[in-house]
Every structure is written in C-alpha cells, then in structure tokens.
Amino acid sequence: MIYYAGIGSRETPLEILNVFDDLGYFFAEKGFILRSGGAIGADQSFEKGCDRKNGKKEIYLPWMGFENSDSTLIVKNLKAFEIAKKFHPYWHNLSQGAQKLQARNSHQILGRDLNTPCQFIVCWTRNGKGNGGTGQAIRIAKHYEIPIFDAGGYDDIKKFKSDLYKFLKENYISASN
C-alpha cells in the first residue's frame, strides 16, 4: 500500500487547490491512500478529489466534527502527542486545542499506528517555508526522511507537477500503470 499525506495551509491559492483536487483523484485512481486532516484549503481539496474517485483515505481530526468532517479518526493516542511535542518548538505555549491540531500531524505522517510512515507528502506552504501546522508535519517527515513536494516553493506550477510526476514514475508508477 502506498500512503501519501495531502496537506497544506488554509491560505493555499485557488490555482493550487484545483491542482490538489486533481491530484487527489489521480492518486485514488492509482490506489494510493490519502492521509490528511480535514482542514479548509489544501486538506479538503485532496479529500474532494479522492472522494470523486471513491478512493481510500484516512482523515485525522483533532476532535469530532472538525470542519464538519464525518471522519471518526480522532486524535487520542498519547504517543501522537509525545511525537508532536518532540517536533514542535513552542509546545508548552499551545492551548489544548492547538496541541490536538498538532498531534493529528503525527498520524498524517506516521499513520494510525504511528509506525507506518507515508511514502511522500504533497503540500503547500507560503513560499515553501513550511510554516504553520503543515510545518509540524514537514518537521516530522524530514526526521523520517520522507520526500516532500511543497508547491509553495515553486515559481512555476508546471515545474512542481513535473518534479512530482518524475518522482512518482521513478518510484511508484510503472509504464503499464
């Protein structure tokens, strides 16, 4: 099974949201499993595309009903919080709600059991800087040497798509696929 994290800022530009919707569909078509967090913006665009193809997904939420999601994958595992604490530079300054938001990133990257890392991440952060909640996921992914494709770091969306497709072709998509 191939897992990917489809995540990003709530401020993701519309052009990129449309690309993420298409990627969610494409990945579902290939049988890849989406991991995301149900947030407005990039998360919901990946999920929308995945749903159009009836793809498999794992949507991790900080609490039941977050952003009107019907997912039942609510962050409760204490290990998810321990991992989040390890990678967040200001953990003790966060409210309980913010800690839950950060802990769900542990699952997005490492799976339900926190021992099954995703194979790659596709995301958007402003200027590719890895800020915000997505930055937390990126820090965890970097620790586990998971490839990251941050569309915000590209001046040209065609170059982003080209780099991503090259990676997929080299690793996960055969000529017959």
C-alpha atoms as a PDB file:
ATOM      1  CA  MET A   1       0.000   0.000   0.000  1.00  0.00           C
ATOM      2  CA  ILE A   2       1.160   3.491  -0.827  1.00  0.00           C
ATOM      3  CA  TYR A   3       0.253   6.234   1.624  1.00  0.00           C
ATOM      4  CA  TYR A   4       0.710   9.914   0.964  1.00  0.00           C
ATOM      5  CA  ALA A   5      -0.057  12.980   3.052  1.00  0.00           C
ATOM      6  CA  GLY A   6      -2.074  15.589   1.143  1.00  0.00           C
ATOM      7  CA  ILE A   7      -1.918  18.664   3.355  1.00  0.00           C
ATOM      8  CA  GLY A   8      -1.294  22.387   3.382  1.00  0.00           C
ATOM      9  CA  SER A   9      -2.176  25.848   4.511  1.00  0.00           C
ATOM     10  CA  ARG A  10      -5.707  27.161   4.769  1.00  0.00           C
ATOM     11  CA  GLU A  11      -4.371  30.026   2.623  1.00  0.00           C
ATOM     12  CA  THR A  12      -3.494  27.774  -0.332  1.00  0.00           C
ATOM     13  CA  PRO A  13      -4.250  29.679  -3.576  1.00  0.00           C
ATOM     14  CA  LEU A  14      -7.221  28.575  -5.666  1.00  0.00           C
ATOM     15  CA  GLU A  15      -4.993  27.503  -8.586  1.00  0.00           C
ATOM     16  CA  ILE A  16      -3.126  25.136  -6.272  1.00  0.00           C
ATOM     17  CA  LEU A  17      -6.358  23.889  -4.652  1.00  0.00           C
ATOM     18  CA  ASN A  18      -7.547  22.851  -8.113  1.00  0.00           C
ATOM     19  CA  VAL A  19      -4.270  21.003  -8.731  1.00  0.00           C
ATOM     20  CA  PHE A  20      -4.612  19.255  -5.351  1.00  0.00           C
ATOM     21  CA  ASP A  21      -8.176  18.209  -6.175  1.00  0.00           C
ATOM     22  CA  ASP A  22      -6.891  16.684  -9.427  1.00  0.00           C
ATOM     23  CA  LEU A  23      -4.000  15.007  -7.600  1.00  0.00           C
ATOM     24  CA  GLY A  24      -6.400  13.547  -5.019  1.00  0.00           C
ATOM     25  CA  TYR A  25      -8.349  11.983  -7.886  1.00  0.00           C
ATOM     26  CA  PHE A  26      -5.193  10.804  -9.685  1.00  0.00           C
ATOM     27  CA  PHE A  27      -3.711   9.220  -6.559  1.00  0.00           C
ATOM     28  CA  ALA A  28      -7.016   7.490  -5.755  1.00  0.00           C
ATOM     29  CA  GLU A  29      -7.096   6.172  -9.315  1.00  0.00           C
ATOM     30  CA  LYS A  30      -3.640   4.663  -8.709  1.00  0.00           C
ATOM     31  CA  GLY A  31      -4.810   3.081  -5.443  1.00  0.00           C
ATOM     32  CA  PHE A  32      -2.778   5.390  -3.184  1.00  0.00           C
ATOM     33  CA  ILE A  33      -4.246   6.094   0.258  1.00  0.00           C
ATOM     34  CA  LEU A  34      -4.707   9.715   1.317  1.00  0.00           C
ATOM     35  CA  ARG A  35      -3.823  10.877   4.803  1.00  0.00           C
ATOM     36  CA  SER A  36      -4.996  14.345   5.685  1.00  0.00           C
ATOM     37  CA  GLY A  37      -6.569  16.455   8.414  1.00  0.00           C
ATOM     38  CA  GLY A  38      -9.902  17.806   7.188  1.00  0.00           C
ATOM     39  CA  ALA A  39      -8.890  21.463   7.331  1.00  0.00           C
ATOM     40  CA  ILE A  40     -10.277  24.073   4.959  1.00  0.00           C
ATOM     41  CA  GLY A  41      -7.989  24.604   1.988  1.00  0.00           C
ATOM     42  CA  ALA A  42      -5.457  22.035   0.825  1.00  0.00           C
ATOM     43  CA  ASP A  43      -6.691  19.180   3.068  1.00  0.00           C
ATOM     44  CA  GLN A  44     -10.252  19.416   1.804  1.00  0.00           C
ATOM     45  CA  SER A  45      -9.114  19.740  -1.825  1.00  0.00           C
ATOM     46  CA  PHE A  46      -7.151  16.488  -1.680  1.00  0.00           C
ATOM     47  CA  GLU A  47     -10.096  14.799   0.022  1.00  0.00           C
ATOM     48  CA  LYS A  48     -12.574  16.129  -2.535  1.00  0.00           C
ATOM     49  CA  GLY A  49     -10.514  14.697  -5.393  1.00  0.00           C
ATOM     50  CA  CYS A  50     -10.071  11.394  -3.569  1.00  0.00           C
ATOM     51  CA  ASP A  51     -13.814  11.182  -2.949  1.00  0.00           C
ATOM     52  CA  ARG A  52     -14.637  11.813  -6.627  1.00  0.00           C
ATOM     53  CA  LYS A  53     -12.827   8.533  -7.382  1.00  0.00           C
ATOM     54  CA  ASN A  54     -14.097   6.805  -4.201  1.00  0.00           C
ATOM     55  CA  GLY A  55     -10.505   6.455  -3.085  1.00  0.00           C
ATOM     56  CA  LYS A  56      -9.254   5.253   0.264  1.00  0.00           C
ATOM     57  CA  LYS A  57      -8.469   7.860   2.867  1.00  0.00           C
ATOM     58  CA  GLU A  58      -7.545   8.398   6.476  1.00  0.00           C
ATOM     59  CA  ILE A  59      -8.708  11.791   7.721  1.00  0.00           C
ATOM     60  CA  TYR A  60      -7.323  12.538  11.182  1.00  0.00           C
ATOM     61  CA  LEU A  61      -9.230  15.090  13.229  1.00  0.00           C
ATOM     62  CA  PRO A  62      -8.338  16.937  16.431  1.00  0.00           C
ATOM     63  CA  TRP A  63     -11.923  16.484  17.649  1.00  0.00           C
ATOM     64  CA  MET A  64     -15.202  15.026  16.418  1.00  0.00           C
ATOM     65  CA  GLY A  65     -16.908  17.140  13.747  1.00  0.00           C
ATOM     66  CA  PHE A  66     -13.857  19.296  12.991  1.00  0.00           C
ATOM     67  CA  GLU A  67     -14.684  21.434   9.922  1.00  0.00           C
ATOM     68  CA  ASN A  68     -17.884  19.369   9.522  1.00  0.00           C
ATOM     69  CA  SER A  69     -15.916  16.212   8.720  1.00  0.00           C
ATOM     70  CA  ASP A  70     -17.612  12.882   9.419  1.00  0.00           C
ATOM     71  CA  SER A  71     -14.302  11.069   9.955  1.00  0.00           C
ATOM     72  CA  THR A  72     -14.096   9.030  13.154  1.00  0.00           C
ATOM     73  CA  LEU A  73     -10.268   9.114  13.301  1.00  0.00           C
ATOM     74  CA  ILE A  74      -9.988  11.421  16.309  1.00  0.00           C
ATOM     75  CA  VAL A  75      -6.558  12.024  17.848  1.00  0.00           C
ATOM     76  CA  LYS A  76      -6.465  10.308  21.237  1.00  0.00           C
ATOM     77  CA  ASN A  77      -3.241   8.274  21.250  1.00  0.00           C
ATOM     78  CA  LEU A  78      -0.848   9.754  23.811  1.00  0.00           C
ATOM     79  CA  LYS A  79       2.091   8.758  21.605  1.00  0.00           C
ATOM     80  CA  ALA A  80       0.776  11.153  18.909  1.00  0.00           C
ATOM     81  CA  PHE A  81       1.026  13.967  21.455  1.00  0.00           C
ATOM     82  CA  GLU A  82       4.528  12.869  22.519  1.00  0.00           C
ATOM     83  CA  ILE A  83       5.690  12.911  18.899  1.00  0.00           C
ATOM     84  CA  ALA A  84       4.079  16.313  18.332  1.00  0.00           C
ATOM     85  CA  LYS A  85       5.752  17.689  21.462  1.00  0.00           C
ATOM     86  CA  LYS A  86       9.147  16.437  20.267  1.00  0.00           C
ATOM     87  CA  PHE A  87       8.873  18.318  16.965  1.00  0.00           C
ATOM     88  CA  HIS A  88       7.021  21.498  17.956  1.00  0.00           C
ATOM     89  CA  PRO A  89       9.356  24.341  19.025  1.00  0.00           C
ATOM     90  CA  TYR A  90       6.787  26.039  21.298  1.00  0.00           C
ATOM     91  CA  TRP A  91       4.696  23.105  22.518  1.00  0.00           C
ATOM     92  CA  HIS A  92       4.196  24.474  26.038  1.00  0.00           C
ATOM     93  CA  ASN A  93       2.784  27.730  24.653  1.00  0.00           C
ATOM     94  CA  LEU A  94      -0.032  25.907  22.816  1.00  0.00           C
ATOM     95  CA  SER A  95      -3.573  25.603  24.102  1.00  0.00           C
ATOM     96  CA  GLN A  96      -5.030  22.114  24.499  1.00  0.00           C
ATOM     97  CA  GLY A  97      -6.930  22.578  21.213  1.00  0.00           C
ATOM     98  CA  ALA A  98      -3.781  23.668  19.386  1.00  0.00           C
ATOM     99  CA  GLN A  99      -1.925  20.653  20.801  1.00  0.00           C
ATOM    100  CA  LYS A 100      -4.637  18.386  19.367  1.00  0.00           C
ATOM    101  CA  LEU A 101      -4.290  20.106  15.990  1.00  0.00           C
ATOM    102  CA  GLN A 102      -0.535  19.497  16.083  1.00  0.00           C
ATOM    103  CA  ALA A 103      -0.863  15.898  17.310  1.00  0.00           C
ATOM    104  CA  ARG A 104      -3.006  14.947  14.324  1.00  0.00           C
ATOM    105  CA  ASN A 105       0.033  15.707  12.147  1.00  0.00           C
ATOM    106  CA  SER A 106       1.763  12.761  13.840  1.00  0.00           C
ATOM    107  CA  HIS A 107      -0.915  10.460  12.407  1.00  0.00           C
ATOM    108  CA  GLN A 108      -0.962  12.138   8.995  1.00  0.00           C
ATOM    109  CA  ILE A 109       2.730  11.318   8.593  1.00  0.00           C
ATOM    110  CA  LEU A 110       3.051   8.091  10.604  1.00  0.00           C
ATOM    111  CA  GLY A 111      -0.395   6.502  10.270  1.00  0.00           C
ATOM    112  CA  ARG A 112      -2.943   5.179  12.687  1.00  0.00           C
ATOM    113  CA  ASP A 113      -0.370   3.005  14.490  1.00  0.00           C
ATOM    114  CA  LEU A 114       2.284   5.782  14.361  1.00  0.00           C
ATOM    115  CA  ASN A 115       4.662   3.199  12.860  1.00  0.00           C
ATOM    116  CA  THR A 116       3.656   3.289   9.184  1.00  0.00           C
ATOM    117  CA  PRO A 117       5.179   6.395   7.610  1.00  0.00           C
ATOM    118  CA  CYS A 118       3.669   7.754   4.424  1.00  0.00           C
ATOM    119  CA  GLN A 119       5.790   7.416   1.303  1.00  0.00           C
ATOM    120  CA  PHE A 120       5.665  11.103   0.383  1.00  0.00           C
ATOM    121  CA  ILE A 121       3.985  14.427   1.154  1.00  0.00           C
ATOM    122  CA  VAL A 122       2.332  16.861  -1.242  1.00  0.00           C
ATOM    123  CA  CYS A 123       1.560  20.226   0.325  1.00  0.00           C
ATOM    124  CA  TRP A 124       1.506  23.988   0.004  1.00  0.00           C
ATOM    125  CA  THR A 125       3.082  26.462   2.404  1.00  0.00           C
ATOM    126  CA  ARG A 126       3.664  30.148   1.650  1.00  0.00           C
ATOM    127  CA  ASN A 127       6.934  30.493  -0.296  1.00  0.00           C
ATOM    128  CA  GLY A 128       7.724  26.858   0.574  1.00  0.00           C
ATOM    129  CA  LYS A 129       8.759  27.943   4.076  1.00  0.00           C
ATOM    130  CA  GLY A 130       6.987  25.111   5.906  1.00  0.00           C
ATOM    131  CA  ASN A 131       5.123  27.378   8.333  1.00  0.00           C
ATOM    132  CA  GLY A 132       2.040  26.687  10.455  1.00  0.00           C
ATOM    133  CA  GLY A 133       0.522  23.300  11.142  1.00  0.00           C
ATOM    134  CA  THR A 134       1.857  21.990   7.850  1.00  0.00           C
ATOM    135  CA  GLY A 135       5.308  22.905   9.116  1.00  0.00           C
ATOM    136  CA  GLN A 136       4.813  20.488  12.007  1.00  0.00           C
ATOM    137  CA  ALA A 137       4.050  17.678   9.554  1.00  0.00           C
ATOM    138  CA  ILE A 138       7.087  18.664   7.480  1.00  0.00           C
ATOM    139  CA  ARG A 139       9.385  18.564  10.534  1.00  0.00           C
ATOM    140  CA  ILE A 140       8.184  15.044  11.355  1.00  0.00           C
ATOM    141  CA  ALA A 141       8.551  13.967   7.715  1.00  0.00           C
ATOM    142  CA  LYS A 142      12.084  15.341   7.467  1.00  0.00           C
ATOM    143  CA  HIS A 143      13.068  13.363  10.556  1.00  0.00           C
ATOM    144  CA  TYR A 144      11.813  10.196   8.851  1.00  0.00           C
ATOM    145  CA  GLU A 145      13.428  11.200   5.512  1.00  0.00           C
ATOM    146  CA  ILE A 146      10.072  11.284   3.716  1.00  0.00           C
ATOM    147  CA  PRO A 147      10.128  13.152   0.365  1.00  0.00           C
ATOM    148  CA  ILE A 148       8.232  16.454   0.478  1.00  0.00           C
ATOM    149  CA  PHE A 149       6.753  18.258  -2.515  1.00  0.00           C
ATOM    150  CA  ASP A 150       5.780  21.755  -1.355  1.00  0.00           C
ATOM    151  CA  ALA A 151       4.050  23.539  -4.227  1.00  0.00           C
ATOM    152  CA  GLY A 152       4.594  26.852  -2.417  1.00  0.00           C
ATOM    153  CA  GLY A 153       8.320  26.560  -3.072  1.00  0.00           C
ATOM    154  CA  TYR A 154       7.831  26.627  -6.842  1.00  0.00           C
ATOM    155  CA  ASP A 155       7.505  29.712  -9.034  1.00  0.00           C
ATOM    156  CA  ASP A 156       6.019  27.563 -11.785  1.00  0.00           C
ATOM    157  CA  ILE A 157       3.236  25.035 -11.125  1.00  0.00           C
ATOM    158  CA  LYS A 158       4.330  23.100 -14.228  1.00  0.00           C
ATOM    159  CA  LYS A 159       7.759  22.519 -12.648  1.00  0.00           C
ATOM    160  CA  PHE A 160       6.090  21.312  -9.428  1.00  0.00           C
ATOM    161  CA  LYS A 161       3.946  18.843 -11.392  1.00  0.00           C
ATOM    162  CA  SER A 162       6.957  17.722 -13.437  1.00  0.00           C
ATOM    163  CA  ASP A 163       9.103  17.061 -10.346  1.00  0.00           C
ATOM    164  CA  LEU A 164       6.271  15.200  -8.620  1.00  0.00           C
ATOM    165  CA  TYR A 165       5.484  13.081 -11.668  1.00  0.00           C
ATOM    166  CA  LYS A 166       9.182  12.241 -12.155  1.00  0.00           C
ATOM    167  CA  PHE A 167       9.369  11.068  -8.543  1.00  0.00           C
ATOM    168  CA  LEU A 168       6.192   9.005  -8.900  1.00  0.00           C
ATOM    169  CA  LYS A 169       7.358   7.438 -12.144  1.00  0.00           C
ATOM    170  CA  GLU A 170      10.748   6.535 -10.656  1.00  0.00           C
ATOM    171  CA  ASN A 171       9.221   5.039  -7.523  1.00  0.00           C
ATOM    172  CA  TYR A 172       5.541   4.094  -7.775  1.00  0.00           C
ATOM    173  CA  ILE A 173       4.044   4.259 -11.254  1.00  0.00           C
ATOM    174  CA  SER A 174       5.083   1.734 -13.864  1.00  0.00           C
ATOM    175  CA  ALA A 175       4.655   2.231 -17.604  1.00  0.00           C
ATOM    176  CA  SER A 176       1.732  -0.220 -17.518  1.00  0.00           C
ATOM    177  CA  ASN A 177       0.071   1.553 -14.600  1.00  0.00           C
END
